[in-house]
Protein backbone atom coordinates (compact mmCIF):
# COMPACT_ATOMS: atom_id res chain seq x y z
CA MET A 1 -12.38 15.90 -0.41
CA SER A 2 -10.81 17.64 -3.42
CA ARG A 3 -9.17 17.08 -6.79
CA ASP A 4 -5.82 18.24 -5.43
CA ALA A 5 -6.05 15.74 -2.58
CA ALA A 6 -6.63 12.89 -5.05
CA ILE A 7 -3.62 13.96 -7.12
CA GLN A 8 -1.46 14.14 -4.00
CA ALA A 9 -2.61 10.69 -2.91
CA ALA A 10 -1.71 9.31 -6.33
CA THR A 11 1.81 10.75 -6.33
CA ARG A 12 2.39 9.58 -2.73
CA TYR A 13 1.74 6.06 -3.99
CA LEU A 14 4.96 6.38 -5.99
CA ASP A 15 6.92 8.55 -3.53
CA GLU A 16 6.36 6.09 -0.67
CA GLY A 17 7.31 3.00 -2.68
CA GLY A 18 3.91 1.43 -3.33
CA PHE A 19 4.06 1.76 -7.09
CA VAL A 20 7.51 0.19 -7.42
CA ALA A 21 6.55 -2.69 -5.10
CA ASP A 22 3.37 -3.45 -7.07
CA LEU A 23 5.15 -3.21 -10.42
CA ALA A 24 7.99 -5.46 -9.26
CA ARG A 25 5.49 -8.15 -8.31
CA ARG A 26 3.80 -7.89 -11.72
CA VAL A 27 7.01 -7.86 -13.76
CA ALA A 28 8.17 -11.02 -11.94
CA ILE A 29 5.32 -12.96 -13.62
CA PRO A 30 6.77 -14.03 -17.02
CA THR A 31 3.72 -13.49 -19.21
CA GLU A 32 5.36 -14.10 -22.60
CA SER A 33 2.39 -14.50 -24.94
CA GLN A 34 4.58 -15.91 -27.75
CA ASN A 35 5.56 -18.79 -25.47
CA ALA A 36 3.02 -21.62 -25.46
CA GLU A 37 4.35 -22.81 -22.09
CA ARG A 38 3.32 -19.64 -20.24
CA GLY A 39 -0.30 -20.56 -19.57
CA SER A 40 0.21 -20.70 -15.80
CA ALA A 41 1.87 -17.28 -15.86
CA MET A 42 -1.11 -15.80 -17.71
CA ALA A 43 -3.48 -17.31 -15.16
CA ASP A 44 -1.36 -16.01 -12.29
CA TYR A 45 -1.33 -12.50 -13.69
CA LEU A 46 -5.08 -12.33 -14.15
CA GLU A 47 -6.21 -14.30 -11.11
CA ARG A 48 -3.52 -13.84 -8.48
CA GLU A 49 -2.42 -10.32 -9.38
CA MET A 50 -5.13 -8.35 -11.18
CA ARG A 51 -8.16 -9.86 -9.47
CA ALA A 52 -6.48 -9.46 -6.08
CA THR A 53 -5.75 -5.81 -6.88
CA LEU A 54 -9.10 -4.83 -8.37
CA GLU A 55 -11.65 -6.60 -6.16
CA PRO A 56 -10.71 -4.52 -3.06
CA LEU A 57 -11.44 -1.44 -5.22
CA GLY A 58 -15.02 -2.59 -5.73
CA PHE A 59 -14.64 -4.32 -9.09
CA ALA A 60 -16.46 -7.55 -9.86
CA CYS A 61 -13.86 -9.64 -11.70
CA GLN A 62 -14.20 -12.62 -13.99
CA VAL A 63 -11.64 -14.40 -16.17
CA HIS A 64 -13.05 -15.42 -19.56
CA PRO A 65 -11.66 -17.91 -22.07
CA ASN A 66 -10.67 -16.55 -25.45
CA PRO A 67 -13.15 -17.32 -28.26
CA ASN A 68 -10.14 -17.70 -30.56
CA PRO A 69 -8.14 -20.90 -29.91
CA LYS A 70 -4.94 -18.99 -30.80
CA GLY A 71 -5.51 -16.45 -28.02
CA TRP A 72 -5.01 -16.19 -24.28
CA PRO A 73 -7.74 -15.35 -21.69
CA PHE A 74 -9.25 -12.02 -20.68
CA LEU A 75 -9.99 -10.51 -17.28
CA VAL A 76 -13.11 -8.33 -17.16
CA ALA A 77 -13.44 -6.08 -14.11
CA ILE A 78 -16.71 -4.14 -13.77
CA ARG A 79 -17.53 -1.45 -11.24
CA ARG A 80 -20.98 0.16 -11.21
CA GLU A 81 -22.39 2.87 -8.96
CA PRO A 82 -26.05 3.79 -8.44
CA GLY A 83 -26.98 6.91 -10.35
CA ALA A 84 -23.82 7.01 -12.48
CA LYS A 85 -24.58 8.73 -15.78
CA HIS A 86 -21.80 7.32 -17.91
CA THR A 87 -19.58 4.25 -18.20
CA VAL A 88 -15.88 4.39 -19.00
CA PHE A 89 -14.15 1.53 -20.79
CA SER A 90 -10.45 1.05 -20.01
CA TYR A 91 -7.90 -1.48 -21.15
CA GLY A 92 -4.47 -2.89 -20.52
CA HIS A 93 -2.50 -5.94 -21.56
CA GLY A 94 -0.70 -8.17 -19.14
CA ASP A 95 1.35 -10.05 -21.71
CA VAL A 96 4.85 -9.08 -22.77
CA VAL A 97 7.25 -9.99 -25.56
CA ARG A 98 9.87 -12.63 -24.90
CA GLY A 99 12.23 -11.76 -22.07
CA GLN A 100 15.45 -12.20 -24.13
CA ASP A 101 17.13 -12.90 -20.80
CA ALA A 102 20.67 -13.44 -22.07
CA GLN A 103 20.77 -10.15 -23.96
CA TRP A 104 20.14 -7.79 -21.03
CA ARG A 105 23.00 -5.71 -19.68
CA ALA A 106 24.98 -7.13 -16.78
CA GLY A 107 23.12 -6.61 -13.52
CA LEU A 108 19.68 -6.54 -15.16
CA SER A 109 17.03 -9.22 -15.58
CA PRO A 110 13.76 -8.99 -17.52
CA TRP A 111 11.84 -10.47 -14.57
CA THR A 112 13.29 -8.27 -11.82
CA VAL A 113 12.57 -4.56 -11.46
CA THR A 114 15.89 -2.76 -11.01
CA GLN A 115 16.13 0.94 -10.25
CA GLU A 116 19.04 3.00 -11.56
CA GLY A 117 18.52 6.69 -10.93
CA ASP A 118 15.21 7.69 -12.49
CA ARG A 119 14.93 4.46 -14.49
CA LEU A 120 13.07 1.28 -13.64
CA TYR A 121 14.24 -1.68 -15.73
CA GLY A 122 12.24 -4.85 -16.38
CA ARG A 123 10.16 -6.54 -19.07
CA GLY A 124 6.72 -4.94 -19.15
CA THR A 125 7.69 -1.81 -17.22
CA ALA A 126 6.87 0.25 -20.31
CA ASP A 127 4.68 -2.17 -22.24
CA ASN A 128 2.20 -2.44 -20.61
CA LYS A 129 2.32 -3.45 -16.95
CA GLY A 130 3.78 -0.14 -15.81
CA GLN A 131 1.16 1.83 -17.71
CA HIS A 132 -1.95 0.05 -16.45
CA SER A 133 -0.40 0.00 -12.97
CA VAL A 134 -0.32 3.82 -13.11
CA ASN A 135 -4.00 3.92 -14.03
CA ILE A 136 -5.07 1.45 -11.35
CA GLY A 137 -3.05 3.38 -8.78
CA ALA A 138 -4.73 6.63 -9.80
CA LEU A 139 -8.18 4.99 -9.55
CA ALA A 140 -7.36 3.80 -6.04
CA ALA A 141 -6.31 7.31 -5.04
CA VAL A 142 -9.55 8.86 -6.31
CA LEU A 143 -11.63 6.19 -4.57
CA GLY A 144 -9.79 6.81 -1.32
CA VAL A 145 -10.34 10.56 -1.38
CA ARG A 146 -13.96 10.33 -2.58
CA GLY A 147 -14.95 7.90 0.13
CA GLY A 148 -15.22 4.79 -2.05
CA ARG A 149 -16.96 6.45 -5.01
CA LEU A 150 -15.78 7.32 -8.51
CA GLY A 151 -18.89 9.08 -9.79
CA PHE A 152 -18.99 6.90 -12.92
CA ASN A 153 -19.11 3.24 -13.94
CA MET A 154 -16.06 1.48 -15.28
CA VAL A 155 -15.37 -1.62 -17.35
CA LEU A 156 -11.70 -2.63 -17.39
CA VAL A 157 -10.44 -5.39 -19.69
CA ILE A 158 -6.97 -6.85 -19.24
CA GLU A 159 -6.00 -9.06 -22.15
CA THR A 160 -3.01 -11.38 -22.41
CA GLY A 161 -2.46 -11.56 -26.17
CA GLU A 162 -1.73 -8.04 -27.43
CA GLU A 163 1.85 -8.91 -28.33
CA ILE A 164 0.63 -11.62 -30.70
CA GLY A 165 -1.95 -9.40 -32.41
CA SER A 166 -4.83 -9.59 -29.90
CA PRO A 167 -6.47 -12.70 -31.38
CA GLY A 168 -10.06 -13.00 -30.20
CA LEU A 169 -10.30 -9.48 -28.78
CA GLN A 170 -12.64 -8.22 -31.49
CA GLU A 171 -14.97 -11.21 -31.15
CA PHE A 172 -14.91 -11.02 -27.36
CA CYS A 173 -15.78 -7.32 -27.27
CA ALA A 174 -18.52 -7.76 -29.87
CA MET A 175 -20.08 -10.47 -27.66
CA HIS A 176 -20.21 -8.17 -24.61
CA ARG A 177 -20.82 -4.73 -26.12
CA LYS A 178 -24.47 -4.40 -25.10
CA GLU A 179 -23.85 -5.90 -21.67
CA TRP A 180 -21.07 -3.42 -20.91
CA GLY A 181 -22.92 -0.35 -22.22
CA CYS A 182 -19.89 1.94 -22.33
CA ASP A 183 -19.82 5.57 -23.49
CA LEU A 184 -16.14 6.44 -23.88
CA PHE A 185 -12.66 4.93 -23.79
CA LEU A 186 -9.66 6.03 -21.72
CA ALA A 187 -6.47 3.97 -21.37
CA SER A 188 -2.68 4.10 -21.62
CA ASP A 189 -0.09 2.48 -23.87
CA GLY A 190 2.70 3.58 -26.18
CA PRO A 191 5.17 6.45 -25.84
CA ARG A 192 4.87 10.18 -25.33
CA LEU A 193 5.91 12.48 -28.14
CA ASP A 194 8.71 13.75 -25.88
CA PRO A 195 9.56 12.35 -22.43
CA ALA A 196 9.20 15.80 -20.89
CA ARG A 197 5.79 16.62 -22.42
CA PRO A 198 2.42 15.08 -21.49
CA THR A 199 0.85 13.54 -24.57
CA LEU A 200 -2.60 12.41 -25.68
CA TYR A 201 -3.49 10.54 -28.84
CA CYS A 202 -6.80 9.66 -30.45
CA GLY A 203 -6.15 6.44 -32.36
CA ALA A 204 -3.39 4.39 -33.95
CA ARG A 205 -1.82 3.64 -37.26
CA GLY A 206 -2.61 0.23 -38.64
CA ALA A 207 0.01 -2.38 -39.50
CA LEU A 208 0.14 -4.92 -42.32
CA ASN A 209 3.06 -7.36 -42.40
CA PHE A 210 3.80 -9.30 -45.55
CA ASP A 211 6.52 -11.40 -47.19
CA MET A 212 8.09 -10.95 -50.61
CA SER A 213 10.09 -13.82 -52.05
CA VAL A 214 11.84 -15.01 -55.17
CA ASN A 215 12.37 -18.73 -55.68
CA TYR A 216 14.40 -19.46 -58.81
CA ARG A 217 15.81 -22.89 -57.99
CA GLN A 218 16.77 -25.33 -55.29
CA GLY A 219 20.28 -25.01 -53.92
CA ALA A 220 23.13 -22.65 -54.74
CA HIS A 221 25.65 -22.84 -57.57
CA HIS A 222 29.29 -21.75 -57.85
CA SER A 223 29.49 -18.09 -58.83
CA GLY A 224 32.59 -18.63 -60.97
CA ASN A 225 30.98 -21.34 -63.07
CA TRP A 226 27.48 -19.87 -63.18
CA GLY A 227 27.82 -16.11 -62.59
CA GLY A 228 26.21 -14.29 -65.52
CA LEU A 229 24.19 -17.36 -66.45
CA LEU A 230 21.87 -17.77 -63.48
CA ALA A 231 19.43 -15.10 -62.35
CA ASP A 232 20.25 -13.80 -58.87
CA PRO A 233 17.14 -13.79 -56.63
CA GLY A 234 18.66 -11.24 -54.26
CA ILE A 235 19.12 -8.75 -57.07
CA THR A 236 15.61 -9.37 -58.39
CA LEU A 237 14.11 -8.83 -54.95
CA ALA A 238 16.20 -5.71 -54.37
CA HIS A 239 14.81 -4.24 -57.60
CA ALA A 240 11.28 -5.12 -56.52
CA ILE A 241 11.76 -3.33 -53.20
CA SER A 242 13.39 -0.30 -54.85
CA SER A 243 10.39 0.02 -57.17
CA ILE A 244 8.09 0.45 -54.14
CA VAL A 245 9.89 3.42 -52.57
CA SER A 246 12.18 6.15 -53.84
CA PRO A 247 15.82 6.33 -52.67
CA THR A 248 14.60 8.78 -50.02
CA GLY A 249 11.71 6.64 -48.76
CA GLN A 250 8.75 8.11 -50.64
CA ILE A 251 6.09 5.47 -51.31
CA ARG A 252 5.43 5.03 -55.06
CA ILE A 253 2.20 2.99 -54.90
CA PRO A 254 -0.73 5.45 -54.80
CA GLU A 255 -3.08 3.01 -53.05
CA TRP A 256 -0.69 2.90 -50.08
CA VAL A 257 -1.07 6.54 -49.04
CA PRO A 258 -4.04 8.79 -48.18
CA ALA A 259 -5.29 11.34 -50.66
CA GLU A 260 -4.49 14.19 -48.28
CA LEU A 261 -3.50 15.19 -44.78
CA PRO A 262 -6.68 16.49 -43.11
CA ALA A 263 -6.58 20.08 -41.88
CA SER A 264 -7.49 19.06 -38.32
CA VAL A 265 -4.59 16.61 -38.26
CA ARG A 266 -2.16 19.17 -39.62
CA ALA A 267 -3.34 21.70 -37.03
CA ALA A 268 -2.96 19.24 -34.15
CA LEU A 269 0.59 18.38 -35.22
CA ALA A 270 1.70 21.96 -35.83
CA ASP A 271 3.41 22.29 -32.42
CA CYS A 272 4.57 18.67 -32.11
CA ALA A 273 8.29 17.94 -32.32
CA VAL A 274 9.27 14.27 -32.38
CA SER A 275 11.93 13.37 -29.83
CA GLY A 276 13.11 10.13 -28.28
CA GLY A 277 15.02 11.91 -25.53
CA GLU A 278 18.76 11.83 -25.05
CA ASP A 279 18.98 8.11 -25.94
CA GLY A 280 16.79 8.31 -29.02
CA PRO A 281 18.10 8.19 -32.61
CA GLN A 282 18.50 11.32 -34.68
CA ILE A 283 15.75 11.85 -37.27
CA ASP A 284 16.77 11.55 -40.93
CA THR A 285 15.05 14.70 -42.15
CA TRP A 286 15.59 13.75 -45.80
CA TRP A 287 13.67 10.44 -45.48
CA GLY A 288 9.96 9.90 -46.20
CA GLU A 289 7.16 11.84 -47.85
CA PRO A 290 8.47 15.25 -49.04
CA GLY A 291 6.67 18.37 -47.89
CA LEU A 292 5.69 16.91 -44.51
CA THR A 293 7.17 17.65 -41.11
CA PRO A 294 8.63 14.73 -39.12
CA ALA A 295 5.51 14.65 -36.93
CA GLU A 296 3.24 14.60 -40.00
CA ARG A 297 5.26 11.77 -41.54
CA VAL A 298 4.98 9.48 -38.52
CA TYR A 299 1.52 10.42 -37.21
CA GLY A 300 -0.31 11.57 -40.35
CA TRP A 301 1.10 9.47 -43.18
CA CYS A 302 1.95 5.90 -44.16
CA SER A 303 5.37 4.28 -44.10
CA PHE A 304 6.92 1.18 -45.67
CA ASP A 305 9.86 -0.69 -44.17
CA VAL A 306 11.86 -3.82 -44.85
CA LEU A 307 12.19 -5.49 -41.45
CA ALA A 308 14.33 -8.38 -42.65
CA PHE A 309 16.03 -9.37 -45.93
CA LYS A 310 17.75 -12.67 -46.60
CA THR A 311 19.58 -14.14 -49.57
CA GLY A 312 22.29 -16.76 -49.37
CA ASN A 313 23.98 -17.18 -45.99
CA PRO A 314 24.54 -13.71 -44.48
CA ASP A 315 26.54 -15.08 -41.52
CA MET A 316 28.92 -17.20 -43.62
CA PRO A 317 28.91 -16.01 -47.26
CA VAL A 318 30.21 -18.43 -49.87
CA ASN A 319 31.04 -18.07 -53.55
CA ALA A 320 27.70 -19.35 -54.73
CA ILE A 321 24.61 -17.83 -56.34
CA PRO A 322 21.65 -18.58 -54.05
CA GLY A 323 18.41 -19.98 -55.36
CA GLN A 324 16.04 -18.03 -53.13
CA ALA A 325 15.66 -14.63 -51.51
CA SER A 326 13.01 -13.31 -49.12
CA ALA A 327 12.09 -10.11 -47.32
CA HIS A 328 9.70 -9.48 -44.44
CA CYS A 329 8.04 -6.11 -44.94
CA GLN A 330 5.58 -3.85 -43.17
CA ILE A 331 3.23 -0.99 -44.00
CA ARG A 332 2.14 1.33 -41.17
CA PHE A 333 -0.98 3.05 -42.44
CA VAL A 334 -3.41 5.78 -41.42
CA VAL A 335 -7.09 6.53 -41.78
CA GLY A 336 -7.88 7.30 -45.41
CA THR A 337 -6.33 4.10 -46.78
CA ASP A 338 -7.75 0.59 -47.12
CA TYR A 339 -5.35 -2.17 -46.09
CA ARG A 340 -7.45 -4.71 -48.01
CA GLN A 341 -6.20 -3.08 -51.22
CA PHE A 342 -2.51 -2.97 -50.29
CA LEU A 343 -1.39 -6.40 -51.49
CA PRO A 344 -3.57 -6.46 -54.64
CA ALA A 345 -2.12 -3.03 -55.52
CA LEU A 346 1.40 -4.35 -54.89
CA ARG A 347 0.73 -7.34 -57.14
CA ARG A 348 -0.43 -5.05 -59.97
CA HIS A 349 2.56 -2.77 -59.44
CA LEU A 350 5.10 -5.60 -59.59
CA ASP A 351 3.48 -7.07 -62.69
CA ARG A 352 3.71 -3.67 -64.41
CA GLN A 353 7.41 -3.63 -63.54
CA GLY A 354 7.95 -7.02 -65.16
CA LEU A 355 8.50 -8.62 -61.76
CA GLY A 356 5.85 -11.31 -61.87
CA MET A 357 8.35 -13.80 -60.43
CA VAL A 358 8.24 -11.98 -57.07
CA GLN A 359 5.76 -13.70 -54.78
CA VAL A 360 3.73 -11.76 -52.18
CA ALA A 361 1.93 -13.20 -49.15
CA GLN A 362 0.33 -11.67 -46.06
CA ALA A 363 2.38 -12.68 -43.02
CA ARG A 364 -0.17 -12.40 -40.19
CA ALA A 365 -3.87 -13.17 -40.13
CA GLU A 366 -4.66 -10.49 -37.51
CA ILE A 367 -4.65 -6.92 -38.80
CA MET A 368 -4.97 -3.89 -36.55
CA ASP A 369 -6.82 -1.31 -38.64
CA ALA A 370 -6.06 2.41 -38.56
CA THR A 371 -8.25 4.62 -36.35
CA ARG A 372 -8.38 8.31 -35.56
CA LEU A 373 -10.86 10.26 -33.46
CA ASP A 374 -11.27 13.81 -34.76
CA PRO A 375 -8.86 16.01 -32.76
CA GLU A 376 -11.73 18.50 -32.40
CA HIS A 377 -14.03 15.95 -30.73
CA PRO A 378 -15.50 17.20 -27.40
CA PHE A 379 -13.93 14.29 -25.46
CA VAL A 380 -10.49 15.19 -26.81
CA ARG A 381 -10.88 18.88 -25.91
CA TRP A 382 -12.11 17.90 -22.44
CA ALA A 383 -9.16 15.55 -21.83
CA LEU A 384 -6.67 18.19 -22.98
CA GLN A 385 -8.14 20.69 -20.53
CA SER A 386 -8.00 18.20 -17.67
CA VAL A 387 -4.35 17.28 -18.28
CA SER A 388 -3.38 20.92 -18.74
CA ARG A 389 -5.08 21.79 -15.45
CA THR A 390 -3.14 19.07 -13.63
CA THR A 391 0.29 19.70 -15.14
CA GLY A 392 0.19 23.42 -15.89
CA VAL A 393 1.52 22.81 -19.43
CA LYS A 394 -0.06 22.37 -22.84
CA PRO A 395 -0.09 18.66 -23.73
CA ALA A 396 0.94 17.38 -27.14
CA LEU A 397 -2.03 16.06 -29.11
CA LEU A 398 -1.34 13.31 -31.63
CA PRO A 399 -4.23 12.41 -33.96
CA ASN A 400 -2.99 8.83 -33.72
CA LEU A 401 -0.08 6.83 -32.40
CA GLY A 402 2.70 6.06 -34.88
CA GLY A 403 2.60 2.42 -33.81
CA SER A 404 -0.32 0.03 -33.79
CA LEU A 405 -2.78 -1.02 -31.10
CA PRO A 406 -6.14 -2.82 -31.18
CA ASN A 407 -7.87 0.58 -31.04
CA ASP A 408 -10.07 -0.45 -33.97
CA VAL A 409 -11.80 -2.87 -31.57
CA PHE A 410 -12.63 -0.04 -29.18
CA ALA A 411 -13.42 2.62 -31.78
CA ASP A 412 -15.25 0.49 -34.35
CA THR A 413 -16.51 -2.67 -32.63
CA LEU A 414 -17.49 -0.93 -29.37
CA GLY A 415 -18.23 2.38 -31.11
CA LEU A 416 -16.42 4.52 -28.51
CA PRO A 417 -14.58 7.83 -28.74
CA THR A 418 -11.01 6.89 -27.80
CA VAL A 419 -8.37 8.88 -25.92
CA TRP A 420 -5.03 7.40 -24.86
CA VAL A 421 -2.67 8.94 -22.30
CA PRO A 422 0.76 7.24 -22.67
CA HIS A 423 3.19 6.96 -19.77
CA SER A 424 6.28 5.79 -21.65
CA TYR A 425 8.74 7.36 -24.10
CA ALA A 426 10.17 6.38 -27.48
CA ALA A 427 13.65 5.34 -26.25
CA CYS A 428 12.35 2.97 -23.53
CA SER A 429 13.75 -0.15 -25.31
CA GLN A 430 10.24 -1.55 -25.61
CA HIS A 431 10.36 -5.06 -27.13
CA ALA A 432 14.15 -5.07 -26.71
CA PRO A 433 16.65 -5.90 -23.95
CA ASN A 434 16.89 -3.34 -21.13
CA GLU A 435 13.26 -2.19 -21.33
CA HIS A 436 12.62 0.59 -18.81
CA ILE A 437 10.42 3.47 -17.72
CA LEU A 438 11.19 6.89 -16.28
CA LEU A 439 10.01 7.55 -12.74
CA PRO A 440 9.28 11.27 -13.35
CA VAL A 441 6.97 10.27 -16.23
CA MET A 442 5.24 7.70 -14.01
CA ARG A 443 4.77 10.25 -11.25
CA GLN A 444 3.28 12.78 -13.63
CA GLY A 445 1.17 10.01 -15.16
CA LEU A 446 -0.32 9.19 -11.76
CA ALA A 447 -1.18 12.85 -11.26
CA MET A 448 -2.74 13.22 -14.72
CA MET A 449 -4.83 10.06 -14.45
CA ALA A 450 -6.04 10.99 -10.96
CA GLY A 451 -7.11 14.36 -12.38
CA LEU A 452 -8.84 12.73 -15.34
CA PHE A 453 -10.68 10.19 -13.20
CA TRP A 454 -11.68 12.90 -10.74
CA ASP A 455 -13.03 15.07 -13.55
CA LEU A 456 -14.95 12.13 -15.02
CA GLY A 457 -16.71 11.81 -11.70
CA GLU A 458 -17.80 15.44 -11.92
CA GLY A 459 -19.82 14.90 -15.11
CA SER A 460 -19.78 13.47 -18.62
CA PRO A 461 -17.30 15.03 -21.05
CA LEU A 462 -19.56 14.30 -24.04
């Protein structure tokens, strides 16, 4: 009975085909949370797949309805051991974005796991079925080597609405916080900093989506007869957007950025180089907040992007001045800013610019707030040491993920120190056709998680 034996058992799970077989079964369940007709798929994933996987590992499982009528159900799996001194909370989401079946490359399907070299293709392989499958596989390996014991308690929640903003998750966790009695959080989602380097992160940037629009009139009018006489909503909206950021992407609204980059964040990011691997885009080094490194810009600062812009008929332009224009925009924000002030600050800014005709409206009711555990927290230092011991390399430490996750529920509502260990990479085509994972990353992920779970059984890291 040893740590090395548990790690070897975890990697054998992949080497001997068990991991791919389990993941293929899970990917085949089309859990599209944006599709109202997928209720039976959600039930199948939680009841037929997750319950059937977790109960043989000693978890007591129960599927709970969502307290929010807009949300999908939750599976709660609880495993307690006599004498355990701490309780770990873990998380995964069984829902995926729409399959986009027709857009996948020839020979690929979103609902079939297909292996090509070191890649496994399929919807959910990276986000998030592959990642929580790694963690469950590592748990099983530790239990097998330790004779059916972990050495700690665990509460695992699998939700089915993360891709629609996790409606109801905050209320659900608040209802059960005392009952669960957890001490720390450990889970997996999102990409590594670099596919070749183990990565940990301590929180997530928040995300606020909003719409800007200009509505001058109904209908469009001939540009020869009315050009120069009618205000162009596309031009007005373009000026509004250009007033928010500089030509090189620097945000011009003070309330949208933190006052400073904390020293602990800067120190953690000092040896972090952003890379999407050989398929990733090249970084535009001239874009964003000046004076910051690429890692500091994406993990330590806020960003503003226009995700969609429409005026007239982009697919079939005609010689007519449109009456309306709209843009769907997003702010990714970090700790040190208050998203509740973002849209009021934008309204004041536009009014100062003489752009009162530009309308602003929040696009989504659910907001994932920014969170960040101090990189110097004892749990973070402990996790870094465990991963380094397993892999023999220094992991990258990100103060927070560049994307957004419901980590505010775990950090704020449950009050837990949060550490994430991602098993994907930035060029995995997450949310797009041809989503995939890398088998070497999965294999190393199984080893790392087995090491972490083994070490948790040796004593509390707090």
